[in-house]
Amino acid sequence: MSKETFKRFVRSHPSLVSYVNTGDTTWQKLYEMYDLYGENNSIWNSYFNNKQATNDTLRQVNSTGVSSQATIGDTSLKDIFNMIKSMDLDTVKKGVDGLQKAVLLLQDFTATKKQEQYQARPLYKHLED
């Protein structure tokens, strides 16, 4: 199963996004389940039958007047840790390595190397002086 078919599957079942956003599961686990069981397995029933709970949560958020779009000030420490847990560290490492190479390249271009000027020794000076 390819990533593209998994993406289409998730787009057709948007309730899966809420499970990842709440920290109940990760994209990696969902993809592994999709890869092992496919689209039409009974394992997905537990995710799709809880739409009522998801709708209740959305109603609570909207009734309290909180916007459905979170801002940086609204993010809690738990949300930040969940985001960090769900990151693919290999991708982050590749990005940081690429950024580091770009910074080193810019430093090479902008660095002014001091060249020591050759100064000839005076003719009248001897080595022992």
N, C-alpha and C. Protein backbone atom coordinates (compact mmCIF):
# COMPACT_ATOMS: atom_id res chain seq x y z
N MET A 1 0.85 -1.17 0.00
CA MET A 1 0.00 0.00 0.00
C MET A 1 0.90 1.24 0.00
N SER A 2 0.52 2.20 -0.79
CA SER A 2 1.34 3.41 -0.91
C SER A 2 0.82 4.50 0.03
N LYS A 3 1.66 5.51 0.17
CA LYS A 3 1.28 6.65 1.01
C LYS A 3 0.11 7.41 0.40
N GLU A 4 0.08 7.47 -0.92
CA GLU A 4 -0.99 8.21 -1.59
C GLU A 4 -2.35 7.57 -1.34
N THR A 5 -2.42 6.24 -1.37
CA THR A 5 -3.71 5.59 -1.10
C THR A 5 -4.11 5.79 0.36
N PHE A 6 -3.12 5.82 1.25
CA PHE A 6 -3.42 6.09 2.66
C PHE A 6 -3.95 7.51 2.83
N LYS A 7 -3.35 8.46 2.12
CA LYS A 7 -3.81 9.85 2.20
C LYS A 7 -5.24 9.97 1.69
N ARG A 8 -5.55 9.28 0.61
CA ARG A 8 -6.93 9.30 0.11
C ARG A 8 -7.89 8.68 1.12
N PHE A 9 -7.44 7.62 1.78
CA PHE A 9 -8.26 6.97 2.80
C PHE A 9 -8.55 7.93 3.95
N VAL A 10 -7.53 8.65 4.39
CA VAL A 10 -7.70 9.61 5.50
C VAL A 10 -8.60 10.76 5.07
N ARG A 11 -8.46 11.22 3.83
CA ARG A 11 -9.32 12.30 3.35
C ARG A 11 -10.78 11.87 3.30
N SER A 12 -11.02 10.59 3.01
CA SER A 12 -12.40 10.11 2.96
C SER A 12 -12.96 9.85 4.36
N HIS A 13 -12.09 9.76 5.37
CA HIS A 13 -12.52 9.54 6.75
C HIS A 13 -11.85 10.59 7.65
N PRO A 14 -12.35 11.82 7.66
CA PRO A 14 -11.70 12.89 8.42
C PRO A 14 -11.74 12.71 9.94
N SER A 15 -12.53 11.76 10.42
CA SER A 15 -12.57 11.54 11.87
C SER A 15 -11.24 11.00 12.39
N LEU A 16 -10.42 10.43 11.52
CA LEU A 16 -9.12 9.93 11.93
C LEU A 16 -8.19 11.07 12.38
N VAL A 17 -8.38 12.22 11.77
CA VAL A 17 -7.54 13.38 12.11
C VAL A 17 -7.74 13.76 13.57
N SER A 18 -8.97 13.69 14.05
CA SER A 18 -9.23 14.07 15.44
C SER A 18 -8.55 13.13 16.42
N TYR A 19 -8.41 11.86 16.07
CA TYR A 19 -7.70 10.92 16.95
C TYR A 19 -6.22 11.26 17.05
N VAL A 20 -5.63 11.72 15.97
CA VAL A 20 -4.23 12.10 15.99
C VAL A 20 -4.06 13.42 16.74
N ASN A 21 -4.97 14.37 16.50
CA ASN A 21 -4.86 15.68 17.14
C ASN A 21 -5.03 15.59 18.65
N THR A 22 -5.86 14.68 19.12
CA THR A 22 -6.05 14.53 20.57
C THR A 22 -4.96 13.70 21.22
N GLY A 23 -4.12 13.06 20.42
CA GLY A 23 -3.03 12.27 20.98
C GLY A 23 -3.41 10.84 21.27
N ASP A 24 -4.58 10.40 20.81
CA ASP A 24 -4.99 9.02 21.05
C ASP A 24 -4.17 8.04 20.23
N THR A 25 -3.70 8.47 19.08
CA THR A 25 -2.90 7.63 18.21
C THR A 25 -1.97 8.51 17.40
N THR A 26 -1.11 7.89 16.61
CA THR A 26 -0.21 8.65 15.75
C THR A 26 -0.46 8.26 14.31
N TRP A 27 0.05 9.10 13.40
CA TRP A 27 -0.10 8.79 11.98
C TRP A 27 0.63 7.49 11.64
N GLN A 28 1.76 7.26 12.31
CA GLN A 28 2.53 6.04 12.05
C GLN A 28 1.70 4.80 12.38
N LYS A 29 1.03 4.81 13.52
CA LYS A 29 0.21 3.66 13.91
C LYS A 29 -0.95 3.46 12.95
N LEU A 30 -1.59 4.55 12.55
CA LEU A 30 -2.69 4.44 11.61
C LEU A 30 -2.22 3.88 10.26
N TYR A 31 -1.06 4.34 9.82
CA TYR A 31 -0.54 3.85 8.54
C TYR A 31 -0.19 2.37 8.63
N GLU A 32 0.41 1.95 9.75
CA GLU A 32 0.73 0.54 9.92
C GLU A 32 -0.53 -0.32 9.91
N MET A 33 -1.58 0.16 10.59
CA MET A 33 -2.84 -0.58 10.59
C MET A 33 -3.42 -0.65 9.18
N TYR A 34 -3.33 0.45 8.45
CA TYR A 34 -3.83 0.50 7.09
C TYR A 34 -3.03 -0.46 6.20
N ASP A 35 -1.73 -0.49 6.40
CA ASP A 35 -0.87 -1.34 5.60
C ASP A 35 -1.14 -2.82 5.90
N LEU A 36 -1.37 -3.15 7.16
CA LEU A 36 -1.60 -4.55 7.54
C LEU A 36 -3.01 -5.03 7.19
N TYR A 37 -4.01 -4.22 7.51
CA TYR A 37 -5.40 -4.69 7.42
C TYR A 37 -6.15 -4.19 6.19
N GLY A 38 -5.69 -3.10 5.60
CA GLY A 38 -6.40 -2.55 4.45
C GLY A 38 -7.53 -1.64 4.88
N GLU A 39 -8.32 -1.20 3.89
CA GLU A 39 -9.40 -0.23 4.15
C GLU A 39 -10.66 -0.87 4.72
N ASN A 40 -10.96 -2.07 4.32
CA ASN A 40 -12.26 -2.66 4.62
C ASN A 40 -12.20 -3.69 5.75
N ASN A 41 -11.47 -3.41 6.79
CA ASN A 41 -11.39 -4.32 7.91
C ASN A 41 -12.22 -3.78 9.06
N SER A 42 -12.63 -4.69 9.94
CA SER A 42 -13.46 -4.29 11.08
C SER A 42 -12.69 -3.49 12.12
N ILE A 43 -11.38 -3.45 12.00
CA ILE A 43 -10.57 -2.68 12.96
C ILE A 43 -10.89 -1.19 12.89
N TRP A 44 -11.33 -0.72 11.73
CA TRP A 44 -11.63 0.70 11.56
C TRP A 44 -12.97 1.09 12.18
N ASN A 45 -13.80 0.11 12.50
CA ASN A 45 -15.11 0.41 13.08
C ASN A 45 -15.01 1.19 14.38
N SER A 46 -14.01 0.88 15.19
CA SER A 46 -13.86 1.59 16.46
C SER A 46 -13.53 3.07 16.22
N TYR A 47 -12.86 3.38 15.12
CA TYR A 47 -12.53 4.77 14.81
C TYR A 47 -13.71 5.50 14.17
N PHE A 48 -14.48 4.78 13.37
CA PHE A 48 -15.58 5.43 12.67
C PHE A 48 -16.84 5.52 13.50
N ASN A 49 -17.05 4.61 14.46
CA ASN A 49 -18.26 4.63 15.26
C ASN A 49 -18.23 5.69 16.34
N ASN A 50 -17.09 6.26 16.62
CA ASN A 50 -16.98 7.28 17.66
C ASN A 50 -17.17 8.69 17.10
N LYS A 51 -17.84 8.81 15.98
CA LYS A 51 -18.09 10.14 15.41
C LYS A 51 -18.97 10.98 16.34
N GLN A 52 -19.85 10.31 17.07
CA GLN A 52 -20.71 11.04 18.00
C GLN A 52 -19.88 11.73 19.08
N ALA A 53 -18.87 11.03 19.60
CA ALA A 53 -18.00 11.62 20.64
C ALA A 53 -17.23 12.80 20.07
N THR A 54 -16.79 12.68 18.83
CA THR A 54 -16.07 13.78 18.19
C THR A 54 -16.98 14.99 18.01
N ASN A 55 -18.21 14.75 17.57
CA ASN A 55 -19.17 15.84 17.38
C ASN A 55 -19.51 16.51 18.71
N ASP A 56 -19.63 15.72 19.79
CA ASP A 56 -19.89 16.29 21.12
C ASP A 56 -18.74 17.19 21.57
N THR A 57 -17.52 16.76 21.30
CA THR A 57 -16.36 17.57 21.67
C THR A 57 -16.36 18.88 20.90
N LEU A 58 -16.67 18.82 19.62
CA LEU A 58 -16.72 20.05 18.82
C LEU A 58 -17.81 20.99 19.31
N ARG A 59 -18.95 20.44 19.72
CA ARG A 59 -20.03 21.28 20.24
C ARG A 59 -19.60 21.96 21.54
N GLN A 60 -18.88 21.23 22.40
CA GLN A 60 -18.41 21.83 23.65
C GLN A 60 -17.45 22.98 23.38
N VAL A 61 -16.54 22.78 22.44
CA VAL A 61 -15.58 23.83 22.12
C VAL A 61 -16.30 25.04 21.56
N ASN A 62 -17.23 24.84 20.66
CA ASN A 62 -17.94 25.96 20.06
C ASN A 62 -18.86 26.65 21.06
N SER A 63 -19.43 25.92 22.00
CA SER A 63 -20.33 26.54 22.98
C SER A 63 -19.58 27.39 24.00
N THR A 64 -18.31 27.07 24.25
CA THR A 64 -17.54 27.88 25.19
C THR A 64 -16.99 29.14 24.54
N GLY A 65 -17.15 29.24 23.23
CA GLY A 65 -16.70 30.44 22.54
C GLY A 65 -15.26 30.39 22.13
N VAL A 66 -14.63 29.24 22.27
CA VAL A 66 -13.23 29.10 21.88
C VAL A 66 -13.19 28.85 20.39
N SER A 67 -12.28 29.51 19.74
CA SER A 67 -12.15 29.34 18.30
C SER A 67 -11.66 27.93 17.98
N SER A 68 -12.09 27.42 16.84
CA SER A 68 -11.65 26.08 16.47
C SER A 68 -10.22 26.11 15.93
N GLN A 69 -9.68 27.28 15.62
CA GLN A 69 -8.30 27.38 15.19
C GLN A 69 -7.46 27.82 16.38
N ALA A 70 -6.49 26.99 16.73
CA ALA A 70 -5.64 27.29 17.88
C ALA A 70 -4.54 28.25 17.47
N THR A 71 -4.23 29.15 18.36
CA THR A 71 -3.11 30.06 18.13
C THR A 71 -1.95 29.61 18.99
N ILE A 72 -0.83 30.27 18.81
CA ILE A 72 0.35 29.89 19.56
C ILE A 72 0.12 30.10 21.05
N GLY A 73 -0.57 31.13 21.43
CA GLY A 73 -0.83 31.39 22.84
C GLY A 73 -1.75 30.36 23.47
N ASP A 74 -2.57 29.69 22.64
CA ASP A 74 -3.51 28.70 23.15
C ASP A 74 -2.90 27.30 23.28
N THR A 75 -1.71 27.10 22.74
CA THR A 75 -1.12 25.76 22.79
C THR A 75 -0.57 25.48 24.17
N SER A 76 -0.93 24.33 24.68
CA SER A 76 -0.45 23.95 26.00
C SER A 76 0.84 23.15 25.86
N LEU A 77 1.47 22.90 26.98
CA LEU A 77 2.71 22.13 26.99
C LEU A 77 2.46 20.70 26.52
N LYS A 78 1.30 20.17 26.87
CA LYS A 78 0.94 18.81 26.45
C LYS A 78 0.83 18.74 24.93
N ASP A 79 0.23 19.76 24.32
CA ASP A 79 0.11 19.79 22.86
C ASP A 79 1.48 19.83 22.19
N ILE A 80 2.38 20.60 22.77
CA ILE A 80 3.73 20.70 22.22
C ILE A 80 4.44 19.36 22.31
N PHE A 81 4.32 18.67 23.45
CA PHE A 81 4.95 17.37 23.59
C PHE A 81 4.34 16.35 22.63
N ASN A 82 3.04 16.42 22.43
CA ASN A 82 2.40 15.51 21.47
C ASN A 82 2.89 15.77 20.05
N MET A 83 3.08 17.04 19.70
CA MET A 83 3.61 17.35 18.38
C MET A 83 5.02 16.82 18.23
N ILE A 84 5.83 16.96 19.27
CA ILE A 84 7.20 16.48 19.22
C ILE A 84 7.23 14.96 19.10
N LYS A 85 6.34 14.29 19.84
CA LYS A 85 6.28 12.83 19.77
C LYS A 85 5.89 12.34 18.39
N SER A 86 5.04 13.07 17.70
CA SER A 86 4.55 12.61 16.41
C SER A 86 5.48 12.99 15.26
N MET A 87 6.58 13.69 15.54
CA MET A 87 7.51 14.09 14.48
C MET A 87 8.35 12.90 14.04
N ASP A 88 8.68 12.89 12.77
CA ASP A 88 9.59 11.89 12.23
C ASP A 88 11.00 12.46 12.39
N LEU A 89 11.78 11.87 13.28
CA LEU A 89 13.09 12.43 13.62
C LEU A 89 14.08 12.35 12.47
N ASP A 90 13.95 11.35 11.60
CA ASP A 90 14.84 11.26 10.45
C ASP A 90 14.64 12.45 9.52
N THR A 91 13.39 12.83 9.30
CA THR A 91 13.09 13.96 8.44
C THR A 91 13.61 15.26 9.07
N VAL A 92 13.43 15.39 10.37
CA VAL A 92 13.93 16.58 11.07
C VAL A 92 15.45 16.65 10.97
N LYS A 93 16.12 15.50 11.16
CA LYS A 93 17.58 15.47 11.07
C LYS A 93 18.06 15.85 9.69
N LYS A 94 17.39 15.35 8.64
CA LYS A 94 17.77 15.70 7.28
C LYS A 94 17.59 17.20 7.04
N GLY A 95 16.52 17.76 7.57
CA GLY A 95 16.28 19.19 7.42
C GLY A 95 17.32 20.02 8.12
N VAL A 96 17.69 19.61 9.34
CA VAL A 96 18.70 20.35 10.10
C VAL A 96 20.06 20.23 9.41
N ASP A 97 20.39 19.04 8.90
CA ASP A 97 21.66 18.87 8.19
C ASP A 97 21.72 19.75 6.95
N GLY A 98 20.62 19.83 6.21
CA GLY A 98 20.58 20.68 5.03
C GLY A 98 20.73 22.14 5.38
N LEU A 99 20.08 22.55 6.47
CA LEU A 99 20.19 23.93 6.92
C LEU A 99 21.61 24.25 7.37
N GLN A 100 22.23 23.30 8.04
CA GLN A 100 23.60 23.49 8.50
C GLN A 100 24.55 23.64 7.32
N LYS A 101 24.36 22.83 6.28
CA LYS A 101 25.20 22.94 5.09
C LYS A 101 25.01 24.29 4.41
N ALA A 102 23.77 24.76 4.37
CA ALA A 102 23.50 26.05 3.74
C ALA A 102 24.17 27.18 4.52
N VAL A 103 24.13 27.11 5.85
CA VAL A 103 24.77 28.14 6.67
C VAL A 103 26.28 28.12 6.48
N LEU A 104 26.87 26.93 6.43
CA LEU A 104 28.32 26.84 6.21
C LEU A 104 28.70 27.37 4.84
N LEU A 105 27.88 27.11 3.84
CA LEU A 105 28.15 27.63 2.51
C LEU A 105 28.09 29.16 2.48
N LEU A 106 27.10 29.71 3.16
CA LEU A 106 27.00 31.17 3.25
C LEU A 106 28.19 31.76 4.00
N GLN A 107 28.63 31.08 5.04
CA GLN A 107 29.79 31.57 5.78
C GLN A 107 31.04 31.56 4.91
N ASP A 108 31.17 30.53 4.08
CA ASP A 108 32.34 30.48 3.19
C ASP A 108 32.33 31.64 2.20
N PHE A 109 31.15 31.99 1.70
CA PHE A 109 31.06 33.09 0.73
C PHE A 109 31.30 34.44 1.39
N THR A 110 30.80 34.61 2.58
CA THR A 110 30.89 35.92 3.22
C THR A 110 32.13 36.12 4.08
N ALA A 111 32.85 35.05 4.37
CA ALA A 111 34.02 35.17 5.24
C ALA A 111 35.14 35.90 4.51
N THR A 112 35.74 36.82 5.23
CA THR A 112 36.90 37.51 4.68
C THR A 112 38.14 36.90 5.32
N LYS A 113 38.90 36.30 4.50
CA LYS A 113 40.10 35.64 5.02
C LYS A 113 41.23 36.66 5.08
N LYS A 114 41.88 36.69 6.21
CA LYS A 114 43.02 37.61 6.37
C LYS A 114 44.25 36.93 5.81
N GLN A 115 44.80 37.55 4.84
CA GLN A 115 46.02 37.02 4.27
C GLN A 115 47.19 37.80 4.86
N GLU A 116 48.12 37.03 5.36
CA GLU A 116 49.28 37.69 5.94
C GLU A 116 50.16 38.21 4.81
N GLN A 117 50.52 39.45 4.96
CA GLN A 117 51.37 40.08 3.95
C GLN A 117 52.81 39.61 4.15
N TYR A 118 53.43 39.31 3.07
CA TYR A 118 54.84 38.93 3.13
C TYR A 118 55.68 40.18 3.35
N GLN A 119 56.50 40.12 4.36
CA GLN A 119 57.37 41.26 4.63
C GLN A 119 58.83 40.80 4.45
N ALA A 120 59.44 41.44 3.57
CA ALA A 120 60.83 41.07 3.30
C ALA A 120 61.72 41.52 4.45
N ARG A 121 62.70 40.73 4.75
CA ARG A 121 63.64 41.06 5.80
C ARG A 121 64.60 42.12 5.28
N PRO A 122 64.88 43.08 6.12
CA PRO A 122 65.82 44.13 5.68
C PRO A 122 67.18 43.53 5.27
N LEU A 123 67.78 44.12 4.30
CA LEU A 123 69.03 43.59 3.76
C LEU A 123 70.19 43.66 4.76
N TYR A 124 70.20 44.65 5.57
CA TYR A 124 71.32 44.84 6.46
C TYR A 124 71.19 44.01 7.74
N LYS A 125 70.10 43.28 7.94
CA LYS A 125 69.90 42.51 9.17
C LYS A 125 70.42 41.10 8.96
N HIS A 126 71.13 40.59 9.95
CA HIS A 126 71.64 39.24 9.89
C HIS A 126 70.72 38.30 10.64
N LEU A 127 70.91 37.04 10.44
CA LEU A 127 70.05 36.05 11.07
C LEU A 127 70.17 36.03 12.59
N GLU A 128 71.33 36.33 13.13
CA GLU A 128 71.53 36.26 14.56
C GLU A 128 71.00 37.49 15.29
N ASP A 129 70.68 38.52 14.63
CA ASP A 129 70.24 39.76 15.28
C ASP A 129 68.93 39.63 15.91
